[in-house]
């Protein structure tokens, strides 16, 4: 990513503001279980990864996590630590999968990888945080929700990416 380019900076700003807005918006939606949410803000992270590269996606991920947590009142609390470690691991897994395989994975595939890593790390970190690794018994249910949300986010990202490209948005 060329940070000297005004176009790249503007795009990074758009992805980041979209991620923060979606993160905050999603906090208003009731959840069936505490860890279950769609992860709409991950559309912006994945779009940044696919259009601007892993450094831009990391910037979007970190800013979404920090500013979103500040705006929702969870900065520094247990949810902040758990979500942050899972989010960074998810970003790393998607970036590594893309780097190691080129274009083998579609937005759907990358999203599924990110969602599975996120849910697994989230449960593991929560289990360590409360000294109760029995929490990992929820992994099958958690991975099922990850596959559903990851698929929806991946399909949505793919549709948006296709629309962006048809409108002349290039890397």
C-alpha atoms as a PDB file:
ATOM      1  CA  UNK A   1       0.000   0.000   0.000  1.00  0.00           C
ATOM      2  CA  UNK A   2       1.367   3.393  -0.994  1.00  0.00           C
ATOM      3  CA  UNK A   3       0.517   5.716   1.888  1.00  0.00           C
ATOM      4  CA  UNK A   4       1.676   8.724  -0.128  1.00  0.00           C
ATOM      5  CA  UNK A   5      -1.238   8.358  -2.524  1.00  0.00           C
ATOM      6  CA  UNK A   6      -4.197  10.581  -1.640  1.00  0.00           C
ATOM      7  CA  UNK A   7      -6.515   8.095  -3.372  1.00  0.00           C
ATOM      8  CA  UNK A   8      -5.259   5.215  -1.218  1.00  0.00           C
ATOM      9  CA  UNK A   9      -5.584   7.307   1.952  1.00  0.00           C
ATOM     10  CA  UNK A  10      -9.117   8.340   1.021  1.00  0.00           C
ATOM     11  CA  UNK A  11     -10.075   4.724   0.384  1.00  0.00           C
ATOM     12  CA  UNK A  12      -8.508   3.665   3.657  1.00  0.00           C
ATOM     13  CA  UNK A  13     -10.549   6.368   5.392  1.00  0.00           C
ATOM     14  CA  UNK A  14     -13.741   5.126   3.752  1.00  0.00           C
ATOM     15  CA  UNK A  15     -13.091   1.529   4.792  1.00  0.00           C
ATOM     16  CA  UNK A  16     -12.179   2.577   8.322  1.00  0.00           C
ATOM     17  CA  UNK A  17     -15.202   4.809   8.840  1.00  0.00           C
ATOM     18  CA  UNK A  18     -17.490   2.116   7.428  1.00  0.00           C
ATOM     19  CA  UNK A  19     -15.947  -0.459   9.771  1.00  0.00           C
ATOM     20  CA  UNK A  20     -16.421   1.755  12.823  1.00  0.00           C
ATOM     21  CA  UNK A  21     -20.010   2.661  11.903  1.00  0.00           C
ATOM     22  CA  UNK A  22     -20.919  -0.991  11.287  1.00  0.00           C
ATOM     23  CA  UNK A  23     -19.186  -2.076  14.506  1.00  0.00           C
ATOM     24  CA  UNK A  24     -21.154   0.433  16.587  1.00  0.00           C
ATOM     25  CA  UNK A  25     -24.410  -0.270  14.739  1.00  0.00           C
ATOM     26  CA  UNK A  26     -24.083  -3.991  15.323  1.00  0.00           C
ATOM     27  CA  UNK A  27     -23.788  -3.454  19.073  1.00  0.00           C
ATOM     28  CA  UNK A  28     -27.407  -2.268  18.996  1.00  0.00           C
ATOM     29  CA  UNK A  29     -28.680  -5.536  17.512  1.00  0.00           C
ATOM     30  CA  UNK A  30     -29.774  -8.148  20.099  1.00  0.00           C
ATOM     31  CA  UNK A  31     -27.733 -11.370  20.091  1.00  0.00           C
ATOM     32  CA  UNK A  32     -28.989 -14.875  20.802  1.00  0.00           C
ATOM     33  CA  UNK A  33     -25.742 -15.648  22.674  1.00  0.00           C
ATOM     34  CA  UNK A  34     -23.045 -13.208  23.868  1.00  0.00           C
ATOM     35  CA  UNK A  35     -20.464 -14.183  21.267  1.00  0.00           C
ATOM     36  CA  UNK A  36     -22.852 -14.497  18.320  1.00  0.00           C
ATOM     37  CA  UNK A  37     -22.980 -11.581  15.963  1.00  0.00           C
ATOM     38  CA  UNK A  38     -22.766 -11.266  12.223  1.00  0.00           C
ATOM     39  CA  UNK A  39     -19.580  -9.206  12.141  1.00  0.00           C
ATOM     40  CA  UNK A  40     -20.703  -6.666   9.548  1.00  0.00           C
ATOM     41  CA  UNK A  41     -17.627  -4.494  10.146  1.00  0.00           C
ATOM     42  CA  UNK A  42     -15.506  -7.339   8.823  1.00  0.00           C
ATOM     43  CA  UNK A  43     -16.801  -6.527   5.336  1.00  0.00           C
ATOM     44  CA  UNK A  44     -14.686  -3.360   5.444  1.00  0.00           C
ATOM     45  CA  UNK A  45     -11.627  -5.234   6.743  1.00  0.00           C
ATOM     46  CA  UNK A  46     -11.952  -7.863   4.026  1.00  0.00           C
ATOM     47  CA  UNK A  47     -12.514  -5.235   1.320  1.00  0.00           C
ATOM     48  CA  UNK A  48      -9.389  -3.403   2.487  1.00  0.00           C
ATOM     49  CA  UNK A  49      -7.416  -6.664   2.376  1.00  0.00           C
ATOM     50  CA  UNK A  50      -8.602  -7.491  -1.138  1.00  0.00           C
ATOM     51  CA  UNK A  51      -8.246  -4.010  -2.632  1.00  0.00           C
ATOM     52  CA  UNK A  52      -5.391  -2.407  -0.690  1.00  0.00           C
ATOM     53  CA  UNK A  53      -3.473  -5.246   0.917  1.00  0.00           C
ATOM     54  CA  UNK A  54      -2.751  -6.609   4.394  1.00  0.00           C
ATOM     55  CA  UNK A  55      -1.284  -3.421   5.900  1.00  0.00           C
ATOM     56  CA  UNK A  56      -4.401  -1.436   5.036  1.00  0.00           C
ATOM     57  CA  UNK A  57      -6.616  -4.227   6.368  1.00  0.00           C
ATOM     58  CA  UNK A  58      -4.630  -4.243   9.614  1.00  0.00           C
ATOM     59  CA  UNK A  59      -5.082  -0.474   9.933  1.00  0.00           C
ATOM     60  CA  UNK A  60      -8.840  -0.872   9.449  1.00  0.00           C
ATOM     61  CA  UNK A  61      -8.958  -3.786  11.929  1.00  0.00           C
ATOM     62  CA  UNK A  62      -6.988  -1.965  14.634  1.00  0.00           C
ATOM     63  CA  UNK A  63      -8.865   1.308  14.243  1.00  0.00           C
ATOM     64  CA  UNK A  64     -12.241  -0.472  14.232  1.00  0.00           C
ATOM     65  CA  UNK A  65     -11.262  -2.320  17.413  1.00  0.00           C
ATOM     66  CA  UNK A  66      -9.902   0.700  19.289  1.00  0.00           C
ATOM     67  CA  UNK A  67     -12.374   3.391  18.232  1.00  0.00           C
ATOM     68  CA  UNK A  68     -15.340   1.012  18.203  1.00  0.00           C
ATOM     69  CA  UNK A  69     -14.501  -0.129  21.726  1.00  0.00           C
ATOM     70  CA  UNK A  70     -14.114   3.459  22.881  1.00  0.00           C
ATOM     71  CA  UNK A  71     -17.497   4.404  21.406  1.00  0.00           C
ATOM     72  CA  UNK A  72     -19.288   1.365  22.854  1.00  0.00           C
ATOM     73  CA  UNK A  73     -17.712   1.636  26.300  1.00  0.00           C
ATOM     74  CA  UNK A  74     -15.766  -1.621  26.236  1.00  0.00           C
ATOM     75  CA  UNK A  75     -12.256  -0.151  25.891  1.00  0.00           C
ATOM     76  CA  UNK A  76      -9.919  -1.963  28.272  1.00  0.00           C
ATOM     77  CA  UNK A  77     -12.485  -4.453  29.544  1.00  0.00           C
ATOM     78  CA  UNK A  78     -12.600  -8.214  29.073  1.00  0.00           C
ATOM     79  CA  UNK A  79     -14.575  -7.955  25.820  1.00  0.00           C
ATOM     80  CA  UNK A  80     -11.926  -5.570  24.484  1.00  0.00           C
ATOM     81  CA  UNK A  81      -9.114  -8.040  25.158  1.00  0.00           C
ATOM     82  CA  UNK A  82     -11.036 -11.069  23.903  1.00  0.00           C
ATOM     83  CA  UNK A  83     -12.349  -9.374  20.742  1.00  0.00           C
ATOM     84  CA  UNK A  84      -8.995  -7.757  20.023  1.00  0.00           C
ATOM     85  CA  UNK A  85      -6.969 -10.937  20.195  1.00  0.00           C
ATOM     86  CA  UNK A  86      -9.531 -12.802  18.098  1.00  0.00           C
ATOM     87  CA  UNK A  87      -9.795  -9.973  15.553  1.00  0.00           C
ATOM     88  CA  UNK A  88      -6.042  -9.671  15.100  1.00  0.00           C
ATOM     89  CA  UNK A  89      -5.706 -13.438  14.741  1.00  0.00           C
ATOM     90  CA  UNK A  90      -8.510 -13.444  12.184  1.00  0.00           C
ATOM     91  CA  UNK A  91      -6.802 -10.689  10.186  1.00  0.00           C
ATOM     92  CA  UNK A  92      -3.491 -12.572  10.330  1.00  0.00           C
ATOM     93  CA  UNK A  93      -5.086 -15.813   9.141  1.00  0.00           C
ATOM     94  CA  UNK A  94      -6.835 -14.118   6.205  1.00  0.00           C
ATOM     95  CA  UNK A  95      -3.714 -12.145   5.233  1.00  0.00           C
ATOM     96  CA  UNK A  96      -1.559 -15.271   5.433  1.00  0.00           C
ATOM     97  CA  UNK A  97      -4.025 -17.341   3.427  1.00  0.00           C
ATOM     98  CA  UNK A  98      -4.148 -14.677   0.736  1.00  0.00           C
ATOM     99  CA  UNK A  99      -0.363 -14.232   0.658  1.00  0.00           C
ATOM    100  CA  UNK A 100       0.432 -17.947   0.587  1.00  0.00           C
ATOM    101  CA  UNK A 101      -2.202 -18.964  -1.944  1.00  0.00           C
ATOM    102  CA  UNK A 102      -2.572 -15.906  -4.157  1.00  0.00           C
ATOM    103  CA  UNK A 103      -6.083 -15.783  -5.525  1.00  0.00           C
ATOM    104  CA  UNK A 104      -6.973 -19.348  -4.559  1.00  0.00           C
ATOM    105  CA  UNK A 105      -9.437 -18.142  -1.922  1.00  0.00           C
ATOM    106  CA  UNK A 106     -12.409 -16.019  -2.893  1.00  0.00           C
ATOM    107  CA  UNK A 107     -13.824 -13.424  -0.477  1.00  0.00           C
ATOM    108  CA  UNK A 108     -16.089 -16.237   0.748  1.00  0.00           C
ATOM    109  CA  UNK A 109     -13.141 -18.542   1.470  1.00  0.00           C
ATOM    110  CA  UNK A 110     -11.113 -15.829   3.206  1.00  0.00           C
ATOM    111  CA  UNK A 111     -14.120 -14.823   5.279  1.00  0.00           C
ATOM    112  CA  UNK A 112     -14.730 -18.420   6.374  1.00  0.00           C
ATOM    113  CA  UNK A 113     -11.085 -18.737   7.427  1.00  0.00           C
ATOM    114  CA  UNK A 114     -11.264 -15.465   9.343  1.00  0.00           C
ATOM    115  CA  UNK A 115     -14.551 -16.359  11.034  1.00  0.00           C
ATOM    116  CA  UNK A 116     -13.358 -19.809  12.122  1.00  0.00           C
ATOM    117  CA  UNK A 117     -10.100 -18.432  13.540  1.00  0.00           C
ATOM    118  CA  UNK A 118     -11.948 -15.571  15.239  1.00  0.00           C
ATOM    119  CA  UNK A 119     -14.458 -17.821  16.984  1.00  0.00           C
ATOM    120  CA  UNK A 120     -11.828 -20.364  18.030  1.00  0.00           C
ATOM    121  CA  UNK A 121      -9.485 -17.711  19.458  1.00  0.00           C
ATOM    122  CA  UNK A 122     -12.357 -15.868  21.077  1.00  0.00           C
ATOM    123  CA  UNK A 123     -13.443 -18.947  22.996  1.00  0.00           C
ATOM    124  CA  UNK A 124      -9.868 -19.893  23.851  1.00  0.00           C
ATOM    125  CA  UNK A 125      -9.029 -16.404  25.106  1.00  0.00           C
ATOM    126  CA  UNK A 126     -12.256 -16.204  27.103  1.00  0.00           C
ATOM    127  CA  UNK A 127     -11.495 -19.606  28.636  1.00  0.00           C
ATOM    128  CA  UNK A 128      -8.006 -18.459  29.641  1.00  0.00           C
ATOM    129  CA  UNK A 129      -9.350 -15.144  30.889  1.00  0.00           C
ATOM    130  CA  UNK A 130     -11.824 -16.747  33.275  1.00  0.00           C
ATOM    131  CA  UNK A 131      -9.608 -19.787  33.974  1.00  0.00           C
ATOM    132  CA  UNK A 132     -12.249 -22.117  32.583  1.00  0.00           C
ATOM    133  CA  UNK A 133     -11.064 -24.030  29.537  1.00  0.00           C
ATOM    134  CA  UNK A 134     -14.288 -26.052  29.702  1.00  0.00           C
ATOM    135  CA  UNK A 135     -15.655 -23.143  27.702  1.00  0.00           C
ATOM    136  CA  UNK A 136     -14.105 -24.851  24.675  1.00  0.00           C
ATOM    137  CA  UNK A 137     -16.984 -27.334  24.832  1.00  0.00           C
ATOM    138  CA  UNK A 138     -18.942 -24.591  23.064  1.00  0.00           C
ATOM    139  CA  UNK A 139     -16.553 -24.778  20.090  1.00  0.00           C
ATOM    140  CA  UNK A 140     -18.873 -26.818  17.808  1.00  0.00           C
ATOM    141  CA  UNK A 141     -21.752 -24.355  18.281  1.00  0.00           C
ATOM    142  CA  UNK A 142     -19.361 -21.455  17.977  1.00  0.00           C
ATOM    143  CA  UNK A 143     -17.859 -22.788  14.750  1.00  0.00           C
ATOM    144  CA  UNK A 144     -21.328 -23.363  13.328  1.00  0.00           C
ATOM    145  CA  UNK A 145     -22.218 -19.729  13.953  1.00  0.00           C
ATOM    146  CA  UNK A 146     -18.824 -18.735  12.489  1.00  0.00           C
ATOM    147  CA  UNK A 147     -19.537 -20.648   9.295  1.00  0.00           C
ATOM    148  CA  UNK A 148     -22.939 -19.000   8.904  1.00  0.00           C
ATOM    149  CA  UNK A 149     -21.705 -15.476   9.642  1.00  0.00           C
ATOM    150  CA  UNK A 150     -18.470 -16.003   7.681  1.00  0.00           C
ATOM    151  CA  UNK A 151     -20.422 -17.183   4.654  1.00  0.00           C
ATOM    152  CA  UNK A 152     -22.801 -14.221   4.786  1.00  0.00           C
ATOM    153  CA  UNK A 153     -19.948 -11.722   5.217  1.00  0.00           C
ATOM    154  CA  UNK A 154     -17.943 -13.391   2.439  1.00  0.00           C
ATOM    155  CA  UNK A 155     -20.869 -13.368   0.018  1.00  0.00           C
ATOM    156  CA  UNK A 156     -21.686  -9.745   0.840  1.00  0.00           C
ATOM    157  CA  UNK A 157     -18.031  -8.749   0.427  1.00  0.00           C
ATOM    158  CA  UNK A 158     -17.835 -10.583  -2.910  1.00  0.00           C
ATOM    159  CA  UNK A 159     -20.938  -8.792  -4.188  1.00  0.00           C
ATOM    160  CA  UNK A 160     -19.624  -5.387  -3.079  1.00  0.00           C
ATOM    161  CA  UNK A 161     -16.195  -6.105  -4.568  1.00  0.00           C
ATOM    162  CA  UNK A 162     -17.765  -7.081  -7.897  1.00  0.00           C
ATOM    163  CA  UNK A 163     -19.802  -3.860  -7.901  1.00  0.00           C
ATOM    164  CA  UNK A 164     -16.696  -1.821  -7.042  1.00  0.00           C
ATOM    165  CA  UNK A 165     -14.729  -3.400  -9.870  1.00  0.00           C
ATOM    166  CA  UNK A 166     -17.545  -2.921 -12.380  1.00  0.00           C
ATOM    167  CA  UNK A 167     -17.545   0.773 -11.427  1.00  0.00           C
ATOM    168  CA  UNK A 168     -13.832   1.119 -12.123  1.00  0.00           C
ATOM    169  CA  UNK A 169     -12.384   0.656  -8.640  1.00  0.00           C
ATOM    170  CA  UNK A 170      -8.956  -0.893  -9.057  1.00  0.00           C
ATOM    171  CA  UNK A 171      -6.236  -1.778  -6.644  1.00  0.00           C
END
